[in-house]
Amino acid sequence: MGLYRVVVVVSYKKGLKDPEAETIHRDLILKHGYRAVKELRIGKQFTLLVEAEDSEKAASYVRELCDKLMIYNPVIHDIEVTVYS
């Protein structure tokens, strides 16, 4: 058994509007001359410390937790799970 830091990022699915990101991009980034930034996406990040046999099991455990506890809405959100040992 080991401890794994698991980071979950919840963000809008590609193709769906991200109103907060659009406002920041338009009203801050572009207005201040940062024209090289073509898109901005915003997500919520959760960091969990998980005890598991290996990194794959830690990731699977956290994905299950996110799905069963409805940490995100799978209709409009995607999640990205990254494990750090």
PDB file of N, CA and C in Angstrom:
ATOM      1  N   MET A   1       0.849  -1.183   0.000  1.00  0.00           N
ATOM      2  CA  MET A   1       0.000   0.000   0.000  1.00  0.00           C
ATOM      3  C   MET A   1       0.889   1.239   0.000  1.00  0.00           C
ATOM      4  N   GLY A   2       0.451   2.228  -0.715  1.00  0.00           N
ATOM      5  CA  GLY A   2       1.167   3.488  -0.755  1.00  0.00           C
ATOM      6  C   GLY A   2       0.191   4.644  -0.762  1.00  0.00           C
ATOM      7  N   LEU A   3       0.736   5.822  -0.572  1.00  0.00           N
ATOM      8  CA  LEU A   3      -0.075   7.036  -0.638  1.00  0.00           C
ATOM      9  C   LEU A   3       0.140   7.699  -1.986  1.00  0.00           C
ATOM     10  N   TYR A   4      -0.939   8.108  -2.599  1.00  0.00           N
ATOM     11  CA  TYR A   4      -0.900   8.740  -3.917  1.00  0.00           C
ATOM     12  C   TYR A   4      -1.684  10.041  -3.875  1.00  0.00           C
ATOM     13  N   ARG A   5      -1.083  11.071  -4.429  1.00  0.00           N
ATOM     14  CA  ARG A   5      -1.775  12.350  -4.564  1.00  0.00           C
ATOM     15  C   ARG A   5      -2.505  12.281  -5.905  1.00  0.00           C
ATOM     16  N   VAL A   6      -3.825  12.412  -5.838  1.00  0.00           N
ATOM     17  CA  VAL A   6      -4.642  12.316  -7.043  1.00  0.00           C
ATOM     18  C   VAL A   6      -5.302  13.672  -7.275  1.00  0.00           C
ATOM     19  N   VAL A   7      -5.088  14.208  -8.459  1.00  0.00           N
ATOM     20  CA  VAL A   7      -5.647  15.506  -8.818  1.00  0.00           C
ATOM     21  C   VAL A   7      -6.746  15.282  -9.851  1.00  0.00           C
ATOM     22  N   VAL A   8      -7.912  15.847  -9.561  1.00  0.00           N
ATOM     23  CA  VAL A   8      -9.062  15.768 -10.464  1.00  0.00           C
ATOM     24  C   VAL A   8      -9.374  17.182 -10.935  1.00  0.00           C
ATOM     25  N   VAL A   9      -9.432  17.356 -12.245  1.00  0.00           N
ATOM     26  CA  VAL A   9      -9.834  18.643 -12.817  1.00  0.00           C
ATOM     27  C   VAL A   9     -11.176  18.441 -13.513  1.00  0.00           C
ATOM     28  N   VAL A  10     -12.144  19.244 -13.104  1.00  0.00           N
ATOM     29  CA  VAL A  10     -13.490  19.201 -13.686  1.00  0.00           C
ATOM     30  C   VAL A  10     -13.629  20.439 -14.565  1.00  0.00           C
ATOM     31  N   SER A  11     -13.953  20.236 -15.833  1.00  0.00           N
ATOM     32  CA  SER A  11     -14.123  21.374 -16.736  1.00  0.00           C
ATOM     33  C   SER A  11     -15.268  21.094 -17.710  1.00  0.00           C
ATOM     34  N   TYR A  12     -15.737  22.161 -18.361  1.00  0.00           N
ATOM     35  CA  TYR A  12     -16.801  22.001 -19.356  1.00  0.00           C
ATOM     36  C   TYR A  12     -16.290  21.155 -20.515  1.00  0.00           C
ATOM     37  N   LYS A  13     -17.162  20.350 -21.086  1.00  0.00           N
ATOM     38  CA  LYS A  13     -16.809  19.557 -22.253  1.00  0.00           C
ATOM     39  C   LYS A  13     -16.436  20.483 -23.405  1.00  0.00           C
ATOM     40  N   LYS A  14     -15.510  20.010 -24.215  1.00  0.00           N
ATOM     41  CA  LYS A  14     -15.098  20.784 -25.384  1.00  0.00           C
ATOM     42  C   LYS A  14     -16.318  21.032 -26.258  1.00  0.00           C
ATOM     43  N   GLY A  15     -16.464  22.235 -26.720  1.00  0.00           N
ATOM     44  CA  GLY A  15     -17.604  22.598 -27.556  1.00  0.00           C
ATOM     45  C   GLY A  15     -18.723  23.288 -26.791  1.00  0.00           C
ATOM     46  N   LEU A  16     -18.726  23.123 -25.470  1.00  0.00           N
ATOM     47  CA  LEU A  16     -19.722  23.822 -24.660  1.00  0.00           C
ATOM     48  C   LEU A  16     -19.171  25.171 -24.232  1.00  0.00           C
ATOM     49  N   LYS A  17     -20.067  26.126 -24.074  1.00  0.00           N
ATOM     50  CA  LYS A  17     -19.658  27.455 -23.628  1.00  0.00           C
ATOM     51  C   LYS A  17     -19.118  27.396 -22.208  1.00  0.00           C
ATOM     52  N   ASP A  18     -18.091  28.184 -21.974  1.00  0.00           N
ATOM     53  CA  ASP A  18     -17.501  28.351 -20.649  1.00  0.00           C
ATOM     54  C   ASP A  18     -17.559  29.851 -20.367  1.00  0.00           C
ATOM     55  N   PRO A  19     -18.715  30.350 -19.866  1.00  0.00           N
ATOM     56  CA  PRO A  19     -18.936  31.789 -19.753  1.00  0.00           C
ATOM     57  C   PRO A  19     -17.893  32.512 -18.913  1.00  0.00           C
ATOM     58  N   GLU A  20     -17.471  31.931 -17.820  1.00  0.00           N
ATOM     59  CA  GLU A  20     -16.467  32.586 -16.974  1.00  0.00           C
ATOM     60  C   GLU A  20     -15.140  32.715 -17.726  1.00  0.00           C
ATOM     61  N   ALA A  21     -14.743  31.669 -18.409  1.00  0.00           N
ATOM     62  CA  ALA A  21     -13.502  31.705 -19.183  1.00  0.00           C
ATOM     63  C   ALA A  21     -13.593  32.720 -20.322  1.00  0.00           C
ATOM     64  N   GLU A  22     -14.751  32.753 -20.990  1.00  0.00           N
ATOM     65  CA  GLU A  22     -14.920  33.709 -22.096  1.00  0.00           C
ATOM     66  C   GLU A  22     -14.809  35.142 -21.595  1.00  0.00           C
ATOM     67  N   THR A  23     -15.381  35.436 -20.442  1.00  0.00           N
ATOM     68  CA  THR A  23     -15.321  36.790 -19.876  1.00  0.00           C
ATOM     69  C   THR A  23     -13.886  37.166 -19.520  1.00  0.00           C
ATOM     70  N   ILE A  24     -13.165  36.274 -18.878  1.00  0.00           N
ATOM     71  CA  ILE A  24     -11.769  36.551 -18.516  1.00  0.00           C
ATOM     72  C   ILE A  24     -10.928  36.742 -19.765  1.00  0.00           C
ATOM     73  N   HIS A  25     -11.148  35.878 -20.754  1.00  0.00           N
ATOM     74  CA  HIS A  25     -10.377  35.981 -22.000  1.00  0.00           C
ATOM     75  C   HIS A  25     -10.638  37.309 -22.699  1.00  0.00           C
ATOM     76  N   ARG A  26     -11.899  37.644 -22.847  1.00  0.00           N
ATOM     77  CA  ARG A  26     -12.285  38.854 -23.578  1.00  0.00           C
ATOM     78  C   ARG A  26     -11.960  40.134 -22.799  1.00  0.00           C
ATOM     79  N   ASP A  27     -12.372  40.184 -21.517  1.00  0.00           N
ATOM     80  CA  ASP A  27     -12.311  41.434 -20.761  1.00  0.00           C
ATOM     81  C   ASP A  27     -10.995  41.670 -20.016  1.00  0.00           C
ATOM     82  N   LEU A  28     -10.192  40.659 -19.880  1.00  0.00           N
ATOM     83  CA  LEU A  28      -8.900  40.852 -19.208  1.00  0.00           C
ATOM     84  C   LEU A  28      -7.730  40.583 -20.143  1.00  0.00           C
ATOM     85  N   ILE A  29      -7.634  39.365 -20.612  1.00  0.00           N
ATOM     86  CA  ILE A  29      -6.459  38.955 -21.381  1.00  0.00           C
ATOM     87  C   ILE A  29      -6.337  39.732 -22.686  1.00  0.00           C
ATOM     88  N   LEU A  30      -7.385  39.719 -23.511  1.00  0.00           N
ATOM     89  CA  LEU A  30      -7.306  40.408 -24.800  1.00  0.00           C
ATOM     90  C   LEU A  30      -7.233  41.922 -24.634  1.00  0.00           C
ATOM     91  N   LYS A  31      -7.994  42.476 -23.689  1.00  0.00           N
ATOM     92  CA  LYS A  31      -7.980  43.930 -23.481  1.00  0.00           C
ATOM     93  C   LYS A  31      -6.629  44.434 -23.001  1.00  0.00           C
ATOM     94  N   HIS A  32      -5.843  43.550 -22.403  1.00  0.00           N
ATOM     95  CA  HIS A  32      -4.517  43.957 -21.943  1.00  0.00           C
ATOM     96  C   HIS A  32      -3.419  43.558 -22.931  1.00  0.00           C
ATOM     97  N   GLY A  33      -3.832  43.217 -24.148  1.00  0.00           N
ATOM     98  CA  GLY A  33      -2.882  43.039 -25.237  1.00  0.00           C
ATOM     99  C   GLY A  33      -2.283  41.652 -25.392  1.00  0.00           C
ATOM    100  N   TYR A  34      -2.757  40.670 -24.672  1.00  0.00           N
ATOM    101  CA  TYR A  34      -2.209  39.315 -24.778  1.00  0.00           C
ATOM    102  C   TYR A  34      -2.923  38.559 -25.895  1.00  0.00           C
ATOM    103  N   ARG A  35      -2.650  38.987 -27.112  1.00  0.00           N
ATOM    104  CA  ARG A  35      -3.359  38.479 -28.291  1.00  0.00           C
ATOM    105  C   ARG A  35      -2.964  37.053 -28.673  1.00  0.00           C
ATOM    106  N   ALA A  36      -1.840  36.572 -28.184  1.00  0.00           N
ATOM    107  CA  ALA A  36      -1.408  35.214 -28.516  1.00  0.00           C
ATOM    108  C   ALA A  36      -2.281  34.163 -27.835  1.00  0.00           C
ATOM    109  N   VAL A  37      -3.023  34.548 -26.796  1.00  0.00           N
ATOM    110  CA  VAL A  37      -3.918  33.609 -26.110  1.00  0.00           C
ATOM    111  C   VAL A  37      -5.198  33.499 -26.933  1.00  0.00           C
ATOM    112  N   LYS A  38      -5.419  32.337 -27.492  1.00  0.00           N
ATOM    113  CA  LYS A  38      -6.558  32.128 -28.392  1.00  0.00           C
ATOM    114  C   LYS A  38      -7.758  31.506 -27.702  1.00  0.00           C
ATOM    115  N   GLU A  39      -7.534  30.842 -26.584  1.00  0.00           N
ATOM    116  CA  GLU A  39      -8.640  30.211 -25.873  1.00  0.00           C
ATOM    117  C   GLU A  39      -8.254  30.054 -24.408  1.00  0.00           C
ATOM    118  N   LEU A  40      -9.261  30.126 -23.557  1.00  0.00           N
ATOM    119  CA  LEU A  40      -9.075  29.918 -22.124  1.00  0.00           C
ATOM    120  C   LEU A  40     -10.179  29.004 -21.645  1.00  0.00           C
ATOM    121  N   ARG A  41      -9.832  28.004 -20.885  1.00  0.00           N
ATOM    122  CA  ARG A  41     -10.805  27.109 -20.271  1.00  0.00           C
ATOM    123  C   ARG A  41     -10.564  27.141 -18.768  1.00  0.00           C
ATOM    124  N   ILE A  42     -11.636  27.074 -18.006  1.00  0.00           N
ATOM    125  CA  ILE A  42     -11.534  27.104 -16.555  1.00  0.00           C
ATOM    126  C   ILE A  42     -12.042  25.776 -16.006  1.00  0.00           C
ATOM    127  N   GLY A  43     -11.400  25.310 -14.963  1.00  0.00           N
ATOM    128  CA  GLY A  43     -11.835  24.077 -14.321  1.00  0.00           C
ATOM    129  C   GLY A  43     -11.707  24.189 -12.816  1.00  0.00           C
ATOM    130  N   LYS A  44     -12.363  23.281 -12.141  1.00  0.00           N
ATOM    131  CA  LYS A  44     -12.225  23.169 -10.691  1.00  0.00           C
ATOM    132  C   LYS A  44     -11.258  22.034 -10.435  1.00  0.00           C
ATOM    133  N   GLN A  45     -10.387  22.220  -9.463  1.00  0.00           N
ATOM    134  CA  GLN A  45      -9.400  21.192  -9.154  1.00  0.00           C
ATOM    135  C   GLN A  45      -9.596  20.670  -7.748  1.00  0.00           C
ATOM    136  N   PHE A  46      -9.558  19.346  -7.619  1.00  0.00           N
ATOM    137  CA  PHE A  46      -9.611  18.672  -6.330  1.00  0.00           C
ATOM    138  C   PHE A  46      -8.325  17.882  -6.182  1.00  0.00           C
ATOM    139  N   THR A  47      -7.712  17.949  -5.038  1.00  0.00           N
ATOM    140  CA  THR A  47      -6.526  17.154  -4.763  1.00  0.00           C
ATOM    141  C   THR A  47      -6.837  16.243  -3.582  1.00  0.00           C
ATOM    142  N   LEU A  48      -6.658  14.944  -3.790  1.00  0.00           N
ATOM    143  CA  LEU A  48      -6.959  13.960  -2.764  1.00  0.00           C
ATOM    144  C   LEU A  48      -5.704  13.157  -2.455  1.00  0.00           C
ATOM    145  N   LEU A  49      -5.511  12.788  -1.214  1.00  0.00           N
ATOM    146  CA  LEU A  49      -4.437  11.891  -0.816  1.00  0.00           C
ATOM    147  C   LEU A  49      -5.091  10.538  -0.569  1.00  0.00           C
ATOM    148  N   VAL A  50      -4.724   9.550  -1.389  1.00  0.00           N
ATOM    149  CA  VAL A  50      -5.418   8.265  -1.403  1.00  0.00           C
ATOM    150  C   VAL A  50      -4.440   7.136  -1.092  1.00  0.00           C
ATOM    151  N   GLU A  51      -4.865   6.228  -0.246  1.00  0.00           N
ATOM    152  CA  GLU A  51      -4.078   5.038   0.026  1.00  0.00           C
ATOM    153  C   GLU A  51      -4.562   3.939  -0.915  1.00  0.00           C
ATOM    154  N   ALA A  52      -3.635   3.361  -1.660  1.00  0.00           N
ATOM    155  CA  ALA A  52      -4.000   2.324  -2.625  1.00  0.00           C
ATOM    156  C   ALA A  52      -2.796   1.422  -2.890  1.00  0.00           C
ATOM    157  N   GLU A  53      -3.060   0.282  -3.535  1.00  0.00           N
ATOM    158  CA  GLU A  53      -2.002  -0.669  -3.866  1.00  0.00           C
ATOM    159  C   GLU A  53      -1.044  -0.119  -4.915  1.00  0.00           C
ATOM    160  N   ASP A  54      -1.595   0.614  -5.891  1.00  0.00           N
ATOM    161  CA  ASP A  54      -0.759   1.205  -6.940  1.00  0.00           C
ATOM    162  C   ASP A  54      -1.482   2.417  -7.529  1.00  0.00           C
ATOM    163  N   SER A  55      -0.805   3.095  -8.438  1.00  0.00           N
ATOM    164  CA  SER A  55      -1.366   4.335  -8.996  1.00  0.00           C
ATOM    165  C   SER A  55      -2.622   4.086  -9.815  1.00  0.00           C
ATOM    166  N   GLU A  56      -2.682   2.969 -10.524  1.00  0.00           N
ATOM    167  CA  GLU A  56      -3.878   2.659 -11.324  1.00  0.00           C
ATOM    168  C   GLU A  56      -5.096   2.464 -10.432  1.00  0.00           C
ATOM    169  N   LYS A  57      -4.912   1.785  -9.314  1.00  0.00           N
ATOM    170  CA  LYS A  57      -6.031   1.570  -8.388  1.00  0.00           C
ATOM    171  C   LYS A  57      -6.434   2.873  -7.713  1.00  0.00           C
ATOM    172  N   ALA A  58      -5.469   3.737  -7.444  1.00  0.00           N
ATOM    173  CA  ALA A  58      -5.792   5.048  -6.866  1.00  0.00           C
ATOM    174  C   ALA A  58      -6.645   5.853  -7.845  1.00  0.00           C
ATOM    175  N   ALA A  59      -6.268   5.852  -9.112  1.00  0.00           N
ATOM    176  CA  ALA A  59      -7.026   6.578 -10.137  1.00  0.00           C
ATOM    177  C   ALA A  59      -8.425   6.006 -10.290  1.00  0.00           C
ATOM    178  N   SER A  60      -8.520   4.689 -10.337  1.00  0.00           N
ATOM    179  CA  SER A  60      -9.819   4.024 -10.482  1.00  0.00           C
ATOM    180  C   SER A  60     -10.724   4.337  -9.292  1.00  0.00           C
ATOM    181  N   TYR A  61     -10.164   4.309  -8.101  1.00  0.00           N
ATOM    182  CA  TYR A  61     -10.906   4.604  -6.874  1.00  0.00           C
ATOM    183  C   TYR A  61     -11.480   6.021  -6.920  1.00  0.00           C
ATOM    184  N   VAL A  62     -10.659   6.970  -7.343  1.00  0.00           N
ATOM    185  CA  VAL A  62     -11.094   8.371  -7.383  1.00  0.00           C
ATOM    186  C   VAL A  62     -12.121   8.585  -8.488  1.00  0.00           C
ATOM    187  N   ARG A  63     -11.942   7.944  -9.636  1.00  0.00           N
ATOM    188  CA  ARG A  63     -12.951   8.054 -10.705  1.00  0.00           C
ATOM    189  C   ARG A  63     -14.312   7.533 -10.219  1.00  0.00           C
ATOM    190  N   GLU A  64     -14.282   6.395  -9.528  1.00  0.00           N
ATOM    191  CA  GLU A  64     -15.517   5.833  -8.979  1.00  0.00           C
ATOM    192  C   GLU A  64     -16.152   6.797  -7.985  1.00  0.00           C
ATOM    193  N   LEU A  65     -15.339   7.353  -7.111  1.00  0.00           N
ATOM    194  CA  LEU A  65     -15.824   8.330  -6.123  1.00  0.00           C
ATOM    195  C   LEU A  65     -16.497   9.507  -6.825  1.00  0.00           C
ATOM    196  N   CYS A  66     -15.841  10.041  -7.853  1.00  0.00           N
ATOM    197  CA  CYS A  66     -16.391  11.193  -8.576  1.00  0.00           C
ATOM    198  C   CYS A  66     -17.722  10.852  -9.244  1.00  0.00           C
ATOM    199  N   ASP A  67     -17.802   9.658  -9.827  1.00  0.00           N
ATOM    200  CA  ASP A  67     -19.028   9.237 -10.497  1.00  0.00           C
ATOM    201  C   ASP A  67     -20.164   8.988  -9.507  1.00  0.00           C
ATOM    202  N   LYS A  68     -19.895   8.202  -8.481  1.00  0.00           N
ATOM    203  CA  LYS A  68     -20.951   7.821  -7.539  1.00  0.00           C
ATOM    204  C   LYS A  68     -21.441   8.976  -6.675  1.00  0.00           C
ATOM    205  N   LEU A  69     -20.537   9.864  -6.303  1.00  0.00           N
ATOM    206  CA  LEU A  69     -20.921  10.996  -5.457  1.00  0.00           C
ATOM    207  C   LEU A  69     -21.342  12.209  -6.274  1.00  0.00           C
ATOM    208  N   MET A  70     -21.317  12.054  -7.603  1.00  0.00           N
ATOM    209  CA  MET A  70     -21.715  13.126  -8.523  1.00  0.00           C
ATOM    210  C   MET A  70     -20.946  14.417  -8.240  1.00  0.00           C
ATOM    211  N   ILE A  71     -19.633  14.289  -8.173  1.00  0.00           N
ATOM    212  CA  ILE A  71     -18.754  15.443  -7.985  1.00  0.00           C
ATOM    213  C   ILE A  71     -18.846  16.370  -9.201  1.00  0.00           C
ATOM    214  N   TYR A  72     -19.233  15.817 -10.321  1.00  0.00           N
ATOM    215  CA  TYR A  72     -19.367  16.591 -11.558  1.00  0.00           C
ATOM    216  C   TYR A  72     -20.621  16.132 -12.296  1.00  0.00           C
ATOM    217  N   ASN A  73     -21.030  16.903 -13.283  1.00  0.00           N
ATOM    218  CA  ASN A  73     -22.181  16.552 -14.108  1.00  0.00           C
ATOM    219  C   ASN A  73     -21.655  15.989 -15.432  1.00  0.00           C
ATOM    220  N   PRO A  74     -21.762  14.674 -15.641  1.00  0.00           N
ATOM    221  CA  PRO A  74     -21.182  14.074 -16.844  1.00  0.00           C
ATOM    222  C   PRO A  74     -21.832  14.532 -18.158  1.00  0.00           C
ATOM    223  N   VAL A  75     -22.968  15.182 -18.076  1.00  0.00           N
ATOM    224  CA  VAL A  75     -23.616  15.691 -19.287  1.00  0.00           C
ATOM    225  C   VAL A  75     -22.860  16.906 -19.823  1.00  0.00           C
ATOM    226  N   ILE A  76     -22.348  17.756 -18.924  1.00  0.00           N
ATOM    227  CA  ILE A  76     -21.692  18.986 -19.371  1.00  0.00           C
ATOM    228  C   ILE A  76     -20.209  19.071 -19.003  1.00  0.00           C
ATOM    229  N   HIS A  77     -19.742  18.170 -18.154  1.00  0.00           N
ATOM    230  CA  HIS A  77     -18.348  18.230 -17.701  1.00  0.00           C
ATOM    231  C   HIS A  77     -17.550  16.993 -18.097  1.00  0.00           C
ATOM    232  N   ASP A  78     -16.266  17.202 -18.237  1.00  0.00           N
ATOM    233  CA  ASP A  78     -15.289  16.126 -18.349  1.00  0.00           C
ATOM    234  C   ASP A  78     -14.434  16.180 -17.098  1.00  0.00           C
ATOM    235  N   ILE A  79     -13.855  15.036 -16.731  1.00  0.00           N
ATOM    236  CA  ILE A  79     -12.883  15.058 -15.650  1.00  0.00           C
ATOM    237  C   ILE A  79     -11.564  14.508 -16.171  1.00  0.00           C
ATOM    238  N   GLU A  80     -10.501  15.040 -15.605  1.00  0.00           N
ATOM    239  CA  GLU A  80      -9.162  14.556 -15.890  1.00  0.00           C
ATOM    240  C   GLU A  80      -8.561  14.145 -14.554  1.00  0.00           C
ATOM    241  N   VAL A  81      -8.145  12.889 -14.460  1.00  0.00           N
ATOM    242  CA  VAL A  81      -7.586  12.370 -13.209  1.00  0.00           C
ATOM    243  C   VAL A  81      -6.103  12.100 -13.432  1.00  0.00           C
ATOM    244  N   THR A  82      -5.269  12.703 -12.587  1.00  0.00           N
ATOM    245  CA  THR A  82      -3.823  12.526 -12.655  1.00  0.00           C
ATOM    246  C   THR A  82      -3.326  12.059 -11.310  1.00  0.00           C
ATOM    247  N   VAL A  83      -2.475  11.034 -11.308  1.00  0.00           N
ATOM    248  CA  VAL A  83      -1.957  10.477 -10.069  1.00  0.00           C
ATOM    249  C   VAL A  83      -0.472  10.813  -9.941  1.00  0.00           C
ATOM    250  N   TYR A  84      -0.090  11.272  -8.770  1.00  0.00           N
ATOM    251  CA  TYR A  84       1.310  11.546  -8.436  1.00  0.00           C
ATOM    252  C   TYR A  84       1.692  10.669  -7.270  1.00  0.00           C
ATOM    253  N   SER A  85       2.852  10.049  -7.339  1.00  0.00           N
ATOM    254  CA  SER A  85       3.265   9.176  -6.225  1.00  0.00           C
ATOM    255  C   SER A  85       4.049   9.959  -5.191  1.00  0.00           C
TER     256      SER A  85
END
